């Protein structure tokens, strides 16, 4: 099982909601052993949050019970 989350890298206001929902999902019994893939979308937009910023804000390094990966991407170009 995997949890796949797409983050809008330009939306600094809603990243806190993403964080809250992410940790709710990871705490769910059915997802106890699920891997986590985060797509940091819109990396082509100026002033977007970097993968490092998103990772830091979501506190991904504190996630110890799930394997996780964060991937920069751009849906318009297919990059990432």
N, C-alpha and C. Protein backbone atom coordinates (compact mmCIF):
# COMPACT_ATOMS: atom_id res chain seq x y z
N UNK A 1 0.84 -1.18 0.00
CA UNK A 1 0.00 0.00 0.00
C UNK A 1 0.87 1.24 0.00
N UNK A 2 0.38 2.24 -0.70
CA UNK A 2 1.07 3.53 -0.75
C UNK A 2 0.08 4.66 -0.56
N UNK A 3 0.57 5.72 0.04
CA UNK A 3 -0.16 6.97 0.10
C UNK A 3 0.57 7.91 -0.86
N UNK A 4 -0.16 8.47 -1.81
CA UNK A 4 0.43 9.41 -2.76
C UNK A 4 -0.23 10.77 -2.53
N UNK A 5 0.60 11.77 -2.29
CA UNK A 5 0.11 13.12 -2.01
C UNK A 5 0.74 14.06 -3.04
N UNK A 6 -0.08 14.89 -3.65
CA UNK A 6 0.42 15.91 -4.57
C UNK A 6 0.31 17.26 -3.87
N UNK A 7 1.44 17.92 -3.73
CA UNK A 7 1.49 19.21 -3.06
C UNK A 7 1.65 20.31 -4.10
N UNK A 8 0.83 21.34 -4.00
CA UNK A 8 0.98 22.53 -4.84
C UNK A 8 2.11 23.36 -4.24
N UNK A 9 3.25 23.34 -4.87
CA UNK A 9 4.44 24.00 -4.33
C UNK A 9 4.32 25.52 -4.28
N UNK A 10 3.29 26.06 -4.90
CA UNK A 10 3.10 27.52 -4.88
C UNK A 10 2.15 27.97 -3.78
N UNK A 11 1.49 27.03 -3.13
CA UNK A 11 0.44 27.37 -2.16
C UNK A 11 0.96 27.28 -0.73
N UNK A 12 1.61 28.34 -0.29
CA UNK A 12 2.17 28.37 1.06
C UNK A 12 1.10 28.45 2.14
N UNK A 13 -0.06 28.96 1.78
CA UNK A 13 -1.13 29.12 2.77
C UNK A 13 -1.77 27.78 3.15
N UNK A 14 -1.82 26.84 2.23
CA UNK A 14 -2.52 25.58 2.50
C UNK A 14 -1.60 24.42 2.85
N UNK A 15 -0.30 24.67 2.92
CA UNK A 15 0.63 23.58 3.24
C UNK A 15 0.38 23.07 4.66
N UNK A 16 -0.10 23.92 5.55
CA UNK A 16 -0.39 23.48 6.91
C UNK A 16 -1.57 22.50 6.92
N UNK A 17 -2.54 22.71 6.04
CA UNK A 17 -3.67 21.78 5.92
C UNK A 17 -3.17 20.45 5.38
N UNK A 18 -2.27 20.51 4.41
CA UNK A 18 -1.68 19.29 3.85
C UNK A 18 -0.98 18.49 4.94
N UNK A 19 -0.21 19.19 5.76
CA UNK A 19 0.51 18.52 6.85
C UNK A 19 -0.45 17.84 7.81
N UNK A 20 -1.48 18.55 8.20
CA UNK A 20 -2.47 18.00 9.13
C UNK A 20 -3.14 16.75 8.56
N UNK A 21 -3.57 16.82 7.31
CA UNK A 21 -4.24 15.69 6.67
C UNK A 21 -3.28 14.52 6.45
N UNK A 22 -2.04 14.82 6.11
CA UNK A 22 -1.04 13.77 5.91
C UNK A 22 -0.86 12.94 7.17
N UNK A 23 -0.70 13.59 8.30
CA UNK A 23 -0.48 12.86 9.54
C UNK A 23 -1.73 12.11 10.00
N UNK A 24 -2.90 12.63 9.67
CA UNK A 24 -4.14 11.89 9.96
C UNK A 24 -4.18 10.59 9.16
N UNK A 25 -3.83 10.69 7.88
CA UNK A 25 -3.82 9.50 7.03
C UNK A 25 -2.82 8.47 7.52
N UNK A 26 -1.61 8.92 7.85
CA UNK A 26 -0.57 7.99 8.27
C UNK A 26 -0.89 7.32 9.60
N UNK A 27 -1.73 7.94 10.40
CA UNK A 27 -2.12 7.36 11.69
C UNK A 27 -3.24 6.34 11.56
N UNK A 28 -3.89 6.30 10.40
CA UNK A 28 -5.02 5.39 10.19
C UNK A 28 -4.54 3.94 10.21
N UNK A 29 -5.27 3.09 10.88
CA UNK A 29 -4.91 1.68 11.05
C UNK A 29 -4.65 0.98 9.71
N UNK A 30 -5.45 1.26 8.71
CA UNK A 30 -5.31 0.59 7.41
C UNK A 30 -4.04 1.01 6.67
N UNK A 31 -3.42 2.10 7.10
CA UNK A 31 -2.24 2.60 6.41
C UNK A 31 -0.97 2.50 7.26
N UNK A 32 -1.01 1.69 8.30
CA UNK A 32 0.11 1.59 9.24
C UNK A 32 1.43 1.22 8.56
N UNK A 33 1.37 0.41 7.50
CA UNK A 33 2.59 -0.04 6.83
C UNK A 33 2.74 0.54 5.43
N UNK A 34 1.94 1.54 5.11
CA UNK A 34 1.96 2.11 3.76
C UNK A 34 3.19 2.98 3.54
N UNK A 35 3.72 2.92 2.33
CA UNK A 35 4.78 3.83 1.93
C UNK A 35 4.16 5.17 1.58
N UNK A 36 4.99 6.19 1.51
CA UNK A 36 4.51 7.54 1.25
C UNK A 36 5.30 8.15 0.10
N UNK A 37 4.58 8.62 -0.92
CA UNK A 37 5.19 9.33 -2.04
C UNK A 37 4.55 10.71 -2.13
N UNK A 38 5.38 11.73 -2.08
CA UNK A 38 4.89 13.10 -2.17
C UNK A 38 5.43 13.72 -3.45
N UNK A 39 4.52 14.18 -4.30
CA UNK A 39 4.89 14.91 -5.51
C UNK A 39 4.81 16.40 -5.20
N UNK A 40 5.93 17.09 -5.33
CA UNK A 40 5.97 18.54 -5.14
C UNK A 40 5.75 19.17 -6.52
N UNK A 41 4.50 19.42 -6.85
CA UNK A 41 4.12 19.89 -8.18
C UNK A 41 4.36 21.39 -8.35
N UNK A 42 4.38 21.83 -9.59
CA UNK A 42 4.54 23.23 -9.99
C UNK A 42 5.94 23.76 -9.69
N UNK A 43 6.94 22.89 -9.82
CA UNK A 43 8.31 23.32 -9.58
C UNK A 43 8.82 24.27 -10.66
N UNK A 44 8.05 24.43 -11.73
CA UNK A 44 8.42 25.35 -12.81
C UNK A 44 8.04 26.80 -12.51
N UNK A 45 7.28 27.01 -11.45
CA UNK A 45 6.78 28.35 -11.12
C UNK A 45 7.78 29.08 -10.22
N UNK A 46 8.07 30.34 -10.59
CA UNK A 46 8.97 31.15 -9.76
C UNK A 46 8.40 31.29 -8.35
N UNK A 47 9.30 31.34 -7.40
CA UNK A 47 8.93 31.54 -5.99
C UNK A 47 8.20 30.36 -5.37
N UNK A 48 8.19 29.21 -6.03
CA UNK A 48 7.55 28.04 -5.42
C UNK A 48 8.44 27.52 -4.29
N UNK A 49 7.84 26.73 -3.40
CA UNK A 49 8.61 26.10 -2.34
C UNK A 49 9.45 24.99 -2.96
N UNK A 50 10.67 24.86 -2.50
CA UNK A 50 11.54 23.79 -2.98
C UNK A 50 11.16 22.48 -2.29
N UNK A 51 11.69 21.39 -2.82
CA UNK A 51 11.47 20.09 -2.19
C UNK A 51 11.98 20.12 -0.75
N UNK A 52 13.12 20.75 -0.53
CA UNK A 52 13.68 20.83 0.82
C UNK A 52 12.76 21.61 1.76
N UNK A 53 12.20 22.71 1.28
CA UNK A 53 11.28 23.51 2.11
C UNK A 53 10.03 22.71 2.46
N UNK A 54 9.47 22.02 1.49
CA UNK A 54 8.27 21.22 1.73
C UNK A 54 8.57 20.11 2.71
N UNK A 55 9.69 19.44 2.49
CA UNK A 55 10.10 18.36 3.39
C UNK A 55 10.26 18.86 4.82
N UNK A 56 10.89 20.01 4.97
CA UNK A 56 11.09 20.59 6.30
C UNK A 56 9.76 20.98 6.93
N UNK A 57 8.90 21.63 6.17
CA UNK A 57 7.62 22.07 6.72
C UNK A 57 6.75 20.88 7.13
N UNK A 58 6.75 19.82 6.31
CA UNK A 58 5.94 18.64 6.63
C UNK A 58 6.62 17.74 7.66
N UNK A 59 7.84 18.08 8.04
CA UNK A 59 8.61 17.32 9.03
C UNK A 59 8.74 15.85 8.61
N UNK A 60 9.11 15.65 7.35
CA UNK A 60 9.19 14.30 6.82
C UNK A 60 10.26 13.46 7.52
N UNK A 61 11.34 14.08 7.97
CA UNK A 61 12.39 13.30 8.64
C UNK A 61 11.92 12.72 9.97
N UNK A 62 10.81 13.22 10.50
CA UNK A 62 10.28 12.67 11.75
C UNK A 62 9.43 11.43 11.50
N UNK A 63 9.14 11.13 10.24
CA UNK A 63 8.33 9.95 9.92
C UNK A 63 9.24 8.73 9.92
N UNK A 64 9.10 7.90 10.93
CA UNK A 64 9.98 6.74 11.10
C UNK A 64 9.30 5.42 10.78
N UNK A 65 7.97 5.36 10.83
CA UNK A 65 7.24 4.11 10.64
C UNK A 65 6.84 3.86 9.20
N UNK A 66 7.16 4.78 8.31
CA UNK A 66 6.78 4.66 6.90
C UNK A 66 7.99 5.03 6.04
N UNK A 67 8.21 4.25 4.98
CA UNK A 67 9.21 4.69 4.00
C UNK A 67 8.59 5.83 3.23
N UNK A 68 9.36 6.86 2.93
CA UNK A 68 8.81 8.00 2.21
C UNK A 68 9.82 8.53 1.20
N UNK A 69 9.27 9.21 0.20
CA UNK A 69 10.09 9.87 -0.82
C UNK A 69 9.34 11.10 -1.28
N UNK A 70 10.06 12.19 -1.49
CA UNK A 70 9.46 13.40 -2.04
C UNK A 70 10.12 13.66 -3.39
N UNK A 71 9.29 13.95 -4.39
CA UNK A 71 9.76 14.09 -5.77
C UNK A 71 9.29 15.42 -6.35
N UNK A 72 10.23 16.22 -6.83
CA UNK A 72 9.87 17.45 -7.54
C UNK A 72 9.25 17.07 -8.87
N UNK A 73 8.24 17.82 -9.29
CA UNK A 73 7.61 17.52 -10.58
C UNK A 73 6.91 18.75 -11.14
N UNK A 74 6.54 18.62 -12.40
CA UNK A 74 5.76 19.64 -13.10
C UNK A 74 4.77 18.90 -13.98
N UNK A 75 3.50 18.98 -13.65
CA UNK A 75 2.47 18.26 -14.40
C UNK A 75 2.36 18.76 -15.84
N UNK A 76 2.65 20.03 -16.07
CA UNK A 76 2.53 20.60 -17.42
C UNK A 76 3.56 20.03 -18.39
N UNK A 77 4.78 19.82 -17.89
CA UNK A 77 5.85 19.33 -18.76
C UNK A 77 6.09 17.83 -18.62
N UNK A 78 5.57 17.24 -17.56
CA UNK A 78 5.80 15.82 -17.31
C UNK A 78 7.12 15.56 -16.60
N UNK A 79 7.85 16.59 -16.26
CA UNK A 79 9.12 16.44 -15.57
C UNK A 79 8.90 15.89 -14.17
N UNK A 80 9.76 14.96 -13.78
CA UNK A 80 9.70 14.40 -12.43
C UNK A 80 8.70 13.30 -12.33
